[in-house]
PDB file of N, CA and C in Angstrom:
ATOM      1  N   MET A   1       1.096  -1.038  -0.009  1.00  0.00           N
ATOM      2  CA  MET A   1       0.035   0.094  -0.023  1.00  0.00           C
ATOM      3  C   MET A   1       0.909   1.130  -0.235  1.00  0.00           C
ATOM      4  N   ILE A   2       0.302   2.366  -0.265  1.00  0.00           N
ATOM      5  CA  ILE A   2       0.891   3.423  -0.388  1.00  0.00           C
ATOM      6  C   ILE A   2       0.893   4.016   1.338  1.00  0.00           C
ATOM      7  N   ASP A   3       2.285   4.848   1.276  1.00  0.00           N
ATOM      8  CA  ASP A   3       2.705   5.043   2.513  1.00  0.00           C
ATOM      9  C   ASP A   3       1.796   6.175   2.870  1.00  0.00           C
ATOM     10  N   LEU A   4       1.203   6.396   4.124  1.00  0.00           N
ATOM     11  CA  LEU A   4      -0.403   7.373   4.792  1.00  0.00           C
ATOM     12  C   LEU A   4       0.667   9.327   4.061  1.00  0.00           C
ATOM     13  N   SER A   5       1.980   9.167   4.919  1.00  0.00           N
ATOM     14  CA  SER A   5       2.845  10.514   5.408  1.00  0.00           C
ATOM     15  C   SER A   5       3.150  10.474   3.154  1.00  0.00           C
ATOM     16  N   THR A   6       3.159  10.007   2.497  1.00  0.00           N
ATOM     17  CA  THR A   6       3.202  10.416   0.828  1.00  0.00           C
ATOM     18  C   THR A   6       1.605  10.706   0.374  1.00  0.00           C
ATOM     19  N   ILE A   7       0.902   9.982   0.852  1.00  0.00           N
ATOM     20  CA  ILE A   7      -1.467   9.876   0.881  1.00  0.00           C
ATOM     21  C   ILE A   7      -1.626  11.612   1.175  1.00  0.00           C
ATOM     22  N   LYS A   8      -0.538  11.881   2.137  1.00  0.00           N
ATOM     23  CA  LYS A   8      -0.553  13.237   3.033  1.00  0.00           C
ATOM     24  C   LYS A   8       0.064  14.477   2.366  1.00  0.00           C
ATOM     25  N   GLN A   9       1.100  14.373   1.917  1.00  0.00           N
ATOM     26  CA  GLN A   9       1.936  14.661   0.723  1.00  0.00           C
ATOM     27  C   GLN A   9       1.484  15.674  -0.001  1.00  0.00           C
ATOM     28  N   HIS A  10       1.144  14.252  -0.496  1.00  0.00           N
ATOM     29  CA  HIS A  10      -0.127  14.402  -1.938  1.00  0.00           C
ATOM     30  C   HIS A  10      -1.494  15.161  -1.766  1.00  0.00           C
ATOM     31  N   CYS A  11      -1.822  14.491  -0.427  1.00  0.00           N
ATOM     32  CA  CYS A  11      -3.197  16.144  -0.726  1.00  0.00           C
ATOM     33  C   CYS A  11      -3.187  17.224   0.396  1.00  0.00           C
ATOM     34  N   ASN A  12      -1.470  17.487   0.366  1.00  0.00           N
ATOM     35  CA  ASN A  12      -1.310  18.747   1.146  1.00  0.00           C
ATOM     36  C   ASN A  12      -1.955  18.852   2.772  1.00  0.00           C
ATOM     37  N   ILE A  13      -1.841  17.718   3.207  1.00  0.00           N
ATOM     38  CA  ILE A  13      -1.979  17.879   4.343  1.00  0.00           C
ATOM     39  C   ILE A  13      -0.885  16.997   5.888  1.00  0.00           C
ATOM     40  N   GLU A  14      -1.113  18.415   6.237  1.00  0.00           N
ATOM     41  CA  GLU A  14       0.448  18.681   7.970  1.00  0.00           C
ATOM     42  C   GLU A  14       0.437  16.282   8.228  1.00  0.00           C
ATOM     43  N   ILE A  15       1.290  16.492   8.682  1.00  0.00           N
ATOM     44  CA  ILE A  15       1.942  15.179   8.803  1.00  0.00           C
ATOM     45  C   ILE A  15       0.882  14.994  10.159  1.00  0.00           C
ATOM     46  N   ASP A  16       1.036  15.772  10.965  1.00  0.00           N
ATOM     47  CA  ASP A  16       1.003  15.810  12.612  1.00  0.00           C
ATOM     48  C   ASP A  16      -0.444  16.004  12.151  1.00  0.00           C
ATOM     49  N   PHE A  17      -1.470  16.841  11.328  1.00  0.00           N
ATOM     50  CA  PHE A  17      -3.088  16.803  11.413  1.00  0.00           C
ATOM     51  C   PHE A  17      -3.743  14.734  11.214  1.00  0.00           C
ATOM     52  N   THR A  18      -4.095  14.133  12.693  1.00  0.00           N
ATOM     53  CA  THR A  18      -4.169  12.483  12.679  1.00  0.00           C
ATOM     54  C   THR A  18      -5.691  12.195  12.605  1.00  0.00           C
ATOM     55  N   ASP A  19      -6.182  13.317  12.546  1.00  0.00           N
ATOM     56  CA  ASP A  19      -7.698  12.899  12.672  1.00  0.00           C
ATOM     57  C   ASP A  19      -8.759  12.639  11.309  1.00  0.00           C
ATOM     58  N   ASP A  20      -7.963  12.711   9.418  1.00  0.00           N
ATOM     59  CA  ASP A  20      -8.704  11.978   8.649  1.00  0.00           C
ATOM     60  C   ASP A  20      -7.287  10.555   8.439  1.00  0.00           C
ATOM     61  N   ASP A  21      -7.065  10.144   8.904  1.00  0.00           N
ATOM     62  CA  ASP A  21      -5.413   9.239   8.729  1.00  0.00           C
ATOM     63  C   ASP A  21      -6.859   8.321   8.563  1.00  0.00           C
ATOM     64  N   ASN A  22      -7.868   7.626   9.119  1.00  0.00           N
ATOM     65  CA  ASN A  22      -8.712   6.367   9.069  1.00  0.00           C
ATOM     66  C   ASN A  22      -9.050   6.482   7.932  1.00  0.00           C
ATOM     67  N   LEU A  23     -10.089   7.929   7.090  1.00  0.00           N
ATOM     68  CA  LEU A  23     -10.698   8.041   6.143  1.00  0.00           C
ATOM     69  C   LEU A  23      -9.482   8.214   5.260  1.00  0.00           C
ATOM     70  N   LEU A  24      -8.743   8.531   5.134  1.00  0.00           N
ATOM     71  CA  LEU A  24      -7.362   8.434   3.871  1.00  0.00           C
ATOM     72  C   LEU A  24      -6.788   6.953   3.952  1.00  0.00           C
ATOM     73  N   ASN A  25      -6.929   5.604   4.915  1.00  0.00           N
ATOM     74  CA  ASN A  25      -7.063   4.761   4.875  1.00  0.00           C
ATOM     75  C   ASN A  25      -7.525   4.123   4.165  1.00  0.00           C
ATOM     76  N   ILE A  26      -8.624   4.196   4.428  1.00  0.00           N
ATOM     77  CA  ILE A  26     -10.302   4.059   3.398  1.00  0.00           C
ATOM     78  C   ILE A  26      -9.931   3.816   1.925  1.00  0.00           C
ATOM     79  N   TYR A  27      -9.181   5.188   1.926  1.00  0.00           N
ATOM     80  CA  TYR A  27      -9.755   5.934   0.540  1.00  0.00           C
ATOM     81  C   TYR A  27      -8.549   4.652  -0.273  1.00  0.00           C
ATOM     82  N   MET A  28      -7.607   4.642   0.073  1.00  0.00           N
ATOM     83  CA  MET A  28      -6.194   3.825  -0.247  1.00  0.00           C
ATOM     84  C   MET A  28      -6.287   2.484  -0.778  1.00  0.00           C
ATOM     85  N   LYS A  29      -8.077   1.733  -0.145  1.00  0.00           N
ATOM     86  CA  LYS A  29      -8.533   0.783   0.019  1.00  0.00           C
ATOM     87  C   LYS A  29      -9.399   0.594  -1.566  1.00  0.00           C
ATOM     88  N   MET A  30      -9.508   1.561  -1.249  1.00  0.00           N
ATOM     89  CA  MET A  30     -11.080   2.242  -2.138  1.00  0.00           C
ATOM     90  C   MET A  30     -10.524   2.331  -4.064  1.00  0.00           C
ATOM     91  N   ALA A  31      -8.760   3.057  -3.477  1.00  0.00           N
ATOM     92  CA  ALA A  31      -8.196   3.162  -5.232  1.00  0.00           C
ATOM     93  C   ALA A  31      -7.239   1.707  -5.332  1.00  0.00           C
ATOM     94  N   ALA A  32      -7.074   1.322  -4.559  1.00  0.00           N
ATOM     95  CA  ALA A  32      -6.229   0.423  -5.374  1.00  0.00           C
ATOM     96  C   ALA A  32      -7.398  -1.120  -5.843  1.00  0.00           C
ATOM     97  N   GLN A  33      -8.319  -1.123  -5.160  1.00  0.00           N
ATOM     98  CA  GLN A  33      -9.777  -1.863  -5.808  1.00  0.00           C
ATOM     99  C   GLN A  33      -9.887  -1.422  -6.880  1.00  0.00           C
ATOM    100  N   TYR A  34     -10.914   0.158  -6.655  1.00  0.00           N
ATOM    101  CA  TYR A  34     -10.710   1.205  -8.093  1.00  0.00           C
ATOM    102  C   TYR A  34      -9.872   0.372  -9.687  1.00  0.00           C
ATOM    103  N   VAL A  35      -8.343   0.148  -9.226  1.00  0.00           N
ATOM    104  CA  VAL A  35      -7.272   0.102 -10.046  1.00  0.00           C
ATOM    105  C   VAL A  35      -7.307  -1.371 -10.718  1.00  0.00           C
ATOM    106  N   SER A  36      -7.427  -1.990  -9.434  1.00  0.00           N
ATOM    107  CA  SER A  36      -7.813  -3.800  -9.805  1.00  0.00           C
ATOM    108  C   SER A  36      -9.536  -3.907 -10.639  1.00  0.00           C
ATOM    109  N   ASN A  37     -10.131  -2.878  -9.878  1.00  0.00           N
ATOM    110  CA  ASN A  37     -11.165  -3.417 -11.354  1.00  0.00           C
ATOM    111  C   ASN A  37     -11.232  -3.188 -12.837  1.00  0.00           C
ATOM    112  N   VAL A  38     -10.766  -1.675 -12.655  1.00  0.00           N
ATOM    113  CA  VAL A  38     -10.332  -1.163 -14.013  1.00  0.00           C
ATOM    114  C   VAL A  38      -9.404  -1.792 -14.750  1.00  0.00           C
ATOM    115  N   THR A  39      -8.160  -2.787 -14.201  1.00  0.00           N
ATOM    116  CA  THR A  39      -7.598  -2.970 -15.573  1.00  0.00           C
ATOM    117  C   THR A  39      -7.980  -4.847 -15.323  1.00  0.00           C
ATOM    118  N   ARG A  40      -8.424  -5.202 -14.748  1.00  0.00           N
ATOM    119  CA  ARG A  40      -9.200  -6.335 -14.115  1.00  0.00           C
ATOM    120  C   ARG A  40      -8.589  -7.021 -14.213  1.00  0.00           C
ATOM    121  N   ARG A  41      -7.172  -6.717 -13.252  1.00  0.00           N
ATOM    122  CA  ARG A  41      -6.073  -7.711 -12.319  1.00  0.00           C
ATOM    123  C   ARG A  41      -6.105  -7.585 -11.573  1.00  0.00           C
ATOM    124  N   ASN A  42      -5.143  -8.410 -10.379  1.00  0.00           N
ATOM    125  CA  ASN A  42      -5.058  -8.481  -9.028  1.00  0.00           C
ATOM    126  C   ASN A  42      -3.495  -7.775  -9.114  1.00  0.00           C
ATOM    127  N   LEU A  43      -3.441  -6.631  -7.890  1.00  0.00           N
ATOM    128  CA  LEU A  43      -2.237  -5.660  -7.409  1.00  0.00           C
ATOM    129  C   LEU A  43      -1.435  -6.375  -6.708  1.00  0.00           C
ATOM    130  N   TYR A  44      -0.489  -6.822  -6.895  1.00  0.00           N
ATOM    131  CA  TYR A  44       0.794  -7.014  -6.107  1.00  0.00           C
ATOM    132  C   TYR A  44       2.028  -6.439  -5.620  1.00  0.00           C
ATOM    133  N   TYR A  45       2.819  -6.012  -4.235  1.00  0.00           N
ATOM    134  CA  TYR A  45       3.070  -5.219  -4.228  1.00  0.00           C
ATOM    135  C   TYR A  45       4.910  -5.764  -4.342  1.00  0.00           C
ATOM    136  N   SER A  46       4.777  -7.330  -4.779  1.00  0.00           N
ATOM    137  CA  SER A  46       6.119  -8.046  -4.445  1.00  0.00           C
ATOM    138  C   SER A  46       6.108  -8.881  -5.393  1.00  0.00           C
ATOM    139  N   THR A  47       7.216  -9.236  -6.041  1.00  0.00           N
ATOM    140  CA  THR A  47       6.965 -10.493  -6.526  1.00  0.00           C
ATOM    141  C   THR A  47       7.145 -11.735  -5.772  1.00  0.00           C
ATOM    142  N   GLU A  48       7.839 -11.701  -4.672  1.00  0.00           N
ATOM    143  CA  GLU A  48       7.371 -12.763  -3.235  1.00  0.00           C
ATOM    144  C   GLU A  48       6.608 -12.775  -2.882  1.00  0.00           C
ATOM    145  N   ASP A  49       5.388 -12.385  -3.370  1.00  0.00           N
ATOM    146  CA  ASP A  49       3.517 -12.726  -2.835  1.00  0.00           C
ATOM    147  C   ASP A  49       4.051 -13.913  -3.675  1.00  0.00           C
ATOM    148  N   GLU A  50       3.533 -15.090  -3.252  1.00  0.00           N
ATOM    149  CA  GLU A  50       2.670 -16.458  -3.760  1.00  0.00           C
ATOM    150  C   GLU A  50       1.963 -16.706  -4.666  1.00  0.00           C
ATOM    151  N   ASP A  51       0.949 -15.938  -4.559  1.00  0.00           N
ATOM    152  CA  ASP A  51      -0.170 -15.550  -5.722  1.00  0.00           C
ATOM    153  C   ASP A  51      -0.200 -15.364  -7.010  1.00  0.00           C
ATOM    154  N   TYR A  52       1.053 -13.774  -6.904  1.00  0.00           N
ATOM    155  CA  TYR A  52       1.938 -13.144  -7.769  1.00  0.00           C
ATOM    156  C   TYR A  52       2.439 -13.946  -8.591  1.00  0.00           C
ATOM    157  N   LYS A  53       3.163 -15.366  -8.358  1.00  0.00           N
ATOM    158  CA  LYS A  53       3.754 -16.301  -9.272  1.00  0.00           C
ATOM    159  C   LYS A  53       3.212 -17.264  -9.713  1.00  0.00           C
ATOM    160  N   ASN A  54       1.542 -17.293  -9.340  1.00  0.00           N
ATOM    161  CA  ASN A  54       0.420 -17.944  -9.867  1.00  0.00           C
ATOM    162  C   ASN A  54      -0.247 -17.374 -11.024  1.00  0.00           C
ATOM    163  N   ASP A  55       0.053 -16.069 -10.850  1.00  0.00           N
ATOM    164  CA  ASP A  55      -0.758 -15.656 -11.459  1.00  0.00           C
ATOM    165  C   ASP A  55      -0.806 -15.466 -12.441  1.00  0.00           C
ATOM    166  N   PRO A  56      -1.603 -15.691 -13.651  1.00  0.00           N
ATOM    167  CA  PRO A  56      -1.428 -15.697 -14.824  1.00  0.00           C
ATOM    168  C   PRO A  56      -1.047 -13.956 -15.800  1.00  0.00           C
ATOM    169  N   GLN A  57      -1.375 -13.160 -15.506  1.00  0.00           N
ATOM    170  CA  GLN A  57      -1.927 -11.706 -16.025  1.00  0.00           C
ATOM    171  C   GLN A  57      -1.253 -10.606 -14.638  1.00  0.00           C
ATOM    172  N   PRO A  58      -0.326 -11.298 -13.642  1.00  0.00           N
ATOM    173  CA  PRO A  58      -0.626  -9.740 -12.412  1.00  0.00           C
ATOM    174  C   PRO A  58      -0.258  -8.844 -12.352  1.00  0.00           C
ATOM    175  N   LEU A  59      -0.068  -7.308 -11.705  1.00  0.00           N
ATOM    176  CA  LEU A  59       0.419  -6.279 -11.654  1.00  0.00           C
ATOM    177  C   LEU A  59       1.414  -6.394 -10.775  1.00  0.00           C
ATOM    178  N   LEU A  60       1.685  -5.564 -10.957  1.00  0.00           N
ATOM    179  CA  LEU A  60       3.026  -5.033  -9.683  1.00  0.00           C
ATOM    180  C   LEU A  60       2.680  -3.948  -9.776  1.00  0.00           C
ATOM    181  N   VAL A  61       2.324  -2.977  -8.812  1.00  0.00           N
ATOM    182  CA  VAL A  61       3.035  -1.929  -8.513  1.00  0.00           C
ATOM    183  C   VAL A  61       3.405  -0.787  -8.878  1.00  0.00           C
ATOM    184  N   ASP A  62       3.582  -0.487  -9.718  1.00  0.00           N
ATOM    185  CA  ASP A  62       4.439   0.807 -10.187  1.00  0.00           C
ATOM    186  C   ASP A  62       4.294   2.455  -9.917  1.00  0.00           C
ATOM    187  N   GLU A  63       5.547   2.868 -10.622  1.00  0.00           N
ATOM    188  CA  GLU A  63       4.864   4.242  -9.567  1.00  0.00           C
ATOM    189  C   GLU A  63       4.012   5.283 -10.261  1.00  0.00           C
ATOM    190  N   LEU A  64       3.686   4.124 -11.620  1.00  0.00           N
ATOM    191  CA  LEU A  64       2.024   5.462 -12.712  1.00  0.00           C
ATOM    192  C   LEU A  64       0.809   4.672 -11.539  1.00  0.00           C
ATOM    193  N   ILE A  65       1.376   3.808 -11.603  1.00  0.00           N
ATOM    194  CA  ILE A  65      -0.163   2.606 -10.543  1.00  0.00           C
ATOM    195  C   ILE A  65      -0.575   3.717  -9.231  1.00  0.00           C
ATOM    196  N   ILE A  66       0.554   4.051  -8.696  1.00  0.00           N
ATOM    197  CA  ILE A  66       1.348   4.990  -7.717  1.00  0.00           C
ATOM    198  C   ILE A  66       0.218   5.726  -7.988  1.00  0.00           C
ATOM    199  N   GLY A  67       0.783   6.827  -8.706  1.00  0.00           N
ATOM    200  CA  GLY A  67       0.460   8.083  -9.274  1.00  0.00           C
ATOM    201  C   GLY A  67      -1.369   8.097  -9.300  1.00  0.00           C
ATOM    202  N   ALA A  68      -1.277   7.130 -10.010  1.00  0.00           N
ATOM    203  CA  ALA A  68      -2.976   6.794  -9.976  1.00  0.00           C
ATOM    204  C   ALA A  68      -3.847   7.109  -8.818  1.00  0.00           C
ATOM    205  N   MET A  69      -3.108   6.449  -8.208  1.00  0.00           N
ATOM    206  CA  MET A  69      -4.486   5.903  -6.921  1.00  0.00           C
ATOM    207  C   MET A  69      -4.175   7.397  -6.520  1.00  0.00           C
ATOM    208  N   LEU A  70      -2.790   7.948  -6.154  1.00  0.00           N
ATOM    209  CA  LEU A  70      -2.767   9.307  -5.428  1.00  0.00           C
ATOM    210  C   LEU A  70      -3.971  10.175  -5.672  1.00  0.00           C
ATOM    211  N   GLN A  71      -3.836  10.216  -7.402  1.00  0.00           N
ATOM    212  CA  GLN A  71      -4.828  11.351  -7.954  1.00  0.00           C
ATOM    213  C   GLN A  71      -6.460  10.744  -6.918  1.00  0.00           C
ATOM    214  N   LEU A  72      -7.323   9.810  -7.613  1.00  0.00           N
ATOM    215  CA  LEU A  72      -7.903   8.998  -6.944  1.00  0.00           C
ATOM    216  C   LEU A  72      -8.168   9.637  -5.587  1.00  0.00           C
ATOM    217  N   ILE A  73      -6.906   9.234  -4.706  1.00  0.00           N
ATOM    218  CA  ILE A  73      -7.813   9.430  -3.321  1.00  0.00           C
ATOM    219  C   ILE A  73      -7.730  10.981  -3.550  1.00  0.00           C
ATOM    220  N   GLY A  74      -6.860  11.557  -3.913  1.00  0.00           N
ATOM    221  CA  GLY A  74      -6.901  13.173  -3.796  1.00  0.00           C
ATOM    222  C   GLY A  74      -7.819  14.451  -4.180  1.00  0.00           C
ATOM    223  N   HIS A  75      -8.619  13.136  -5.537  1.00  0.00           N
ATOM    224  CA  HIS A  75     -10.305  13.619  -5.731  1.00  0.00           C
ATOM    225  C   HIS A  75     -10.803  13.026  -4.918  1.00  0.00           C
ATOM    226  N   TRP A  76     -11.334  11.763  -4.280  1.00  0.00           N
ATOM    227  CA  TRP A  76     -12.452  11.639  -3.201  1.00  0.00           C
ATOM    228  C   TRP A  76     -12.166  12.017  -1.699  1.00  0.00           C
ATOM    229  N   TYR A  77     -10.546  12.614  -1.893  1.00  0.00           N
ATOM    230  CA  TYR A  77     -10.695  13.171  -0.059  1.00  0.00           C
ATOM    231  C   TYR A  77     -10.825  15.007  -0.267  1.00  0.00           C
ATOM    232  N   GLU A  78     -11.254  15.488  -1.479  1.00  0.00           N
ATOM    233  CA  GLU A  78     -11.427  16.714  -1.800  1.00  0.00           C
ATOM    234  C   GLU A  78     -12.560  16.458  -1.720  1.00  0.00           C
ATOM    235  N   ASN A  79     -13.272  15.193  -2.778  1.00  0.00           N
ATOM    236  CA  ASN A  79     -15.262  15.845  -2.708  1.00  0.00           C
ATOM    237  C   ASN A  79     -15.285  14.707  -1.720  1.00  0.00           C
ATOM    238  N   ARG A  80     -15.794  14.665  -0.777  1.00  0.00           N
ATOM    239  CA  ARG A  80     -16.645  12.937  -0.404  1.00  0.00           C
ATOM    240  C   ARG A  80     -18.403  13.475  -0.836  1.00  0.00           C
ATOM    241  N   GLU A  81     -18.016  14.277  -1.051  1.00  0.00           N
ATOM    242  CA  GLU A  81     -20.092  14.163  -1.288  1.00  0.00           C
ATOM    243  C   GLU A  81     -20.582  13.333  -2.691  1.00  0.00           C
ATOM    244  N   ALA A  82     -21.250  13.132  -3.223  1.00  0.00           N
ATOM    245  CA  ALA A  82     -21.489  12.304  -4.545  1.00  0.00           C
ATOM    246  C   ALA A  82     -22.211  12.836  -5.607  1.00  0.00           C
ATOM    247  N   ILE A  83     -23.264  14.658  -4.920  1.00  0.00           N
ATOM    248  CA  ILE A  83     -22.944  15.662  -5.695  1.00  0.00           C
ATOM    249  C   ILE A  83     -22.672  17.008  -5.196  1.00  0.00           C
ATOM    250  N   ASN A  84     -21.908  17.681  -5.727  1.00  0.00           N
ATOM    251  CA  ASN A  84     -21.385  18.728  -5.600  1.00  0.00           C
ATOM    252  C   ASN A  84     -22.177  20.356  -6.133  1.00  0.00           C
ATOM    253  N   ILE A  85     -22.386  20.961  -5.303  1.00  0.00           N
ATOM    254  CA  ILE A  85     -24.085  21.881  -5.515  1.00  0.00           C
ATOM    255  C   ILE A  85     -22.825  23.332  -4.851  1.00  0.00           C
ATOM    256  N   GLY A  86     -23.557  24.334  -6.184  1.00  0.00           N
ATOM    257  CA  GLY A  86     -22.480  25.224  -5.915  1.00  0.00           C
ATOM    258  C   GLY A  86     -21.261  25.695  -6.775  1.00  0.00           C
ATOM    259  N   ASN A  87     -20.916  24.034  -7.015  1.00  0.00           N
ATOM    260  CA  ASN A  87     -19.939  24.715  -7.929  1.00  0.00           C
ATOM    261  C   ASN A  87     -19.880  23.709  -8.961  1.00  0.00           C
ATOM    262  N   ILE A  88     -17.909  23.711  -9.457  1.00  0.00           N
ATOM    263  CA  ILE A  88     -18.365  23.132 -11.483  1.00  0.00           C
ATOM    264  C   ILE A  88     -17.877  21.419 -10.749  1.00  0.00           C
ATOM    265  N   THR A  89     -18.442  20.955 -11.323  1.00  0.00           N
ATOM    266  CA  THR A  89     -18.219  19.121 -11.014  1.00  0.00           C
ATOM    267  C   THR A  89     -17.439  18.687 -11.616  1.00  0.00           C
ATOM    268  N   SER A  90     -16.528  17.657 -11.188  1.00  0.00           N
ATOM    269  CA  SER A  90     -15.948  17.293 -11.493  1.00  0.00           C
ATOM    270  C   SER A  90     -15.737  15.111 -11.724  1.00  0.00           C
ATOM    271  N   GLU A  91     -15.120  14.771 -12.269  1.00  0.00           N
ATOM    272  CA  GLU A  91     -15.087  13.607 -12.807  1.00  0.00           C
ATOM    273  C   GLU A  91     -13.893  12.946 -12.141  1.00  0.00           C
ATOM    274  N   ILE A  92     -13.791  11.822 -11.767  1.00  0.00           N
ATOM    275  CA  ILE A  92     -12.462  10.621 -11.303  1.00  0.00           C
ATOM    276  C   ILE A  92     -11.614  11.515 -12.667  1.00  0.00           C
ATOM    277  N   PRO A  93     -10.857  12.258 -11.956  1.00  0.00           N
ATOM    278  CA  PRO A  93      -9.228  12.270 -12.717  1.00  0.00           C
ATOM    279  C   PRO A  93      -9.111  11.679 -13.661  1.00  0.00           C
ATOM    280  N   ILE A  94      -8.989  12.410 -14.691  1.00  0.00           N
ATOM    281  CA  ILE A  94      -8.446  11.989 -16.530  1.00  0.00           C
ATOM    282  C   ILE A  94      -7.652  11.344 -16.350  1.00  0.00           C
ATOM    283  N   THR A  95      -5.950  12.215 -15.171  1.00  0.00           N
ATOM    284  CA  THR A  95      -5.009  11.605 -15.199  1.00  0.00           C
ATOM    285  C   THR A  95      -5.194   9.829 -14.726  1.00  0.00           C
ATOM    286  N   ALA A  96      -5.998   9.829 -13.584  1.00  0.00           N
ATOM    287  CA  ALA A  96      -6.194   8.403 -13.619  1.00  0.00           C
ATOM    288  C   ALA A  96      -6.354   7.275 -14.395  1.00  0.00           C
ATOM    289  N   THR A  97      -7.057   7.918 -14.972  1.00  0.00           N
ATOM    290  CA  THR A  97      -7.834   6.717 -15.865  1.00  0.00           C
ATOM    291  C   THR A  97      -6.250   6.623 -17.616  1.00  0.00           C
ATOM    292  N   MET A  98      -6.122   8.006 -17.356  1.00  0.00           N
ATOM    293  CA  MET A  98      -4.506   7.793 -18.563  1.00  0.00           C
ATOM    294  C   MET A  98      -3.318   6.553 -17.724  1.00  0.00           C
ATOM    295  N   LEU A  99      -3.313   7.121 -16.389  1.00  0.00           N
ATOM    296  CA  LEU A  99      -1.980   5.964 -16.520  1.00  0.00           C
ATOM    297  C   LEU A  99      -2.144   4.997 -16.159  1.00  0.00           C
ATOM    298  N   LEU A 100      -3.679   4.834 -15.703  1.00  0.00           N
ATOM    299  CA  LEU A 100      -4.235   2.691 -15.755  1.00  0.00           C
ATOM    300  C   LEU A 100      -4.778   2.600 -17.560  1.00  0.00           C
ATOM    301  N   GLN A 101      -4.424   3.583 -18.920  1.00  0.00           N
ATOM    302  CA  GLN A 101      -4.624   2.909 -19.395  1.00  0.00           C
ATOM    303  C   GLN A 101      -3.703   1.693 -20.415  1.00  0.00           C
ATOM    304  N   PRO A 102      -2.370   1.556 -20.279  1.00  0.00           N
ATOM    305  CA  PRO A 102      -1.466   0.567 -20.357  1.00  0.00           C
ATOM    306  C   PRO A 102      -1.440  -1.050 -19.826  1.00  0.00           C
ATOM    307  N   TYR A 103      -2.056  -0.958 -18.565  1.00  0.00           N
ATOM    308  CA  TYR A 103      -2.327  -2.018 -17.900  1.00  0.00           C
ATOM    309  C   TYR A 103      -3.937  -2.639 -18.013  1.00  0.00           C
ATOM    310  N   ILE A 104      -4.555  -1.739 -18.463  1.00  0.00           N
ATOM    311  CA  ILE A 104      -6.246  -2.607 -19.168  1.00  0.00           C
ATOM    312  C   ILE A 104      -6.442  -4.038 -19.919  1.00  0.00           C
ATOM    313  N   ILE A 105      -6.611  -4.958 -19.077  1.00  0.00           N
ATOM    314  CA  ILE A 105      -6.476  -6.092 -19.849  1.00  0.00           C
ATOM    315  C   ILE A 105      -8.364  -5.707 -21.038  1.00  0.00           C
ATOM    316  N   TYR A 106      -8.719  -5.437 -22.600  1.00  0.00           N
ATOM    317  CA  TYR A 106      -9.313  -5.630 -22.904  1.00  0.00           C
ATOM    318  C   TYR A 106      -9.503  -7.384 -23.357  1.00  0.00           C
ATOM    319  N   GLY A 107     -11.270  -7.734 -23.045  1.00  0.00           N
ATOM    320  CA  GLY A 107     -12.032  -8.264 -24.313  1.00  0.00           C
ATOM    321  C   GLY A 107     -12.312  -9.805 -22.587  1.00  0.00           C
ATOM    322  N   VAL A 108     -12.053  -9.338 -22.492  1.00  0.00           N
ATOM    323  CA  VAL A 108     -12.603 -10.385 -20.968  1.00  0.00           C
ATOM    324  C   VAL A 108     -13.474 -10.775 -20.219  1.00  0.00           C
TER     325      VAL A 108
END
């Protein structure tokens, strides 16, 4: 998983501010699941994982995937509700989609 201090740095949150740590951890898990769902692949953080060795199409987390996950986490942190009244609405950042594009398995 992504280190909480990295997530806080990305979201411009002071490292000493811990009130939202649980929420950020939830968003981190959501982002990992989102990446797995979009790419139709299982995420692994190490090639030493036994499941990684037996998975026909494993996805080893690299900087592009971490970047996409940080984009998602930052978006969800800033936009906590399904509806945003009084502001310009925005979809999940296109950057995340672009970063994940090379990893997506189509036609499965």
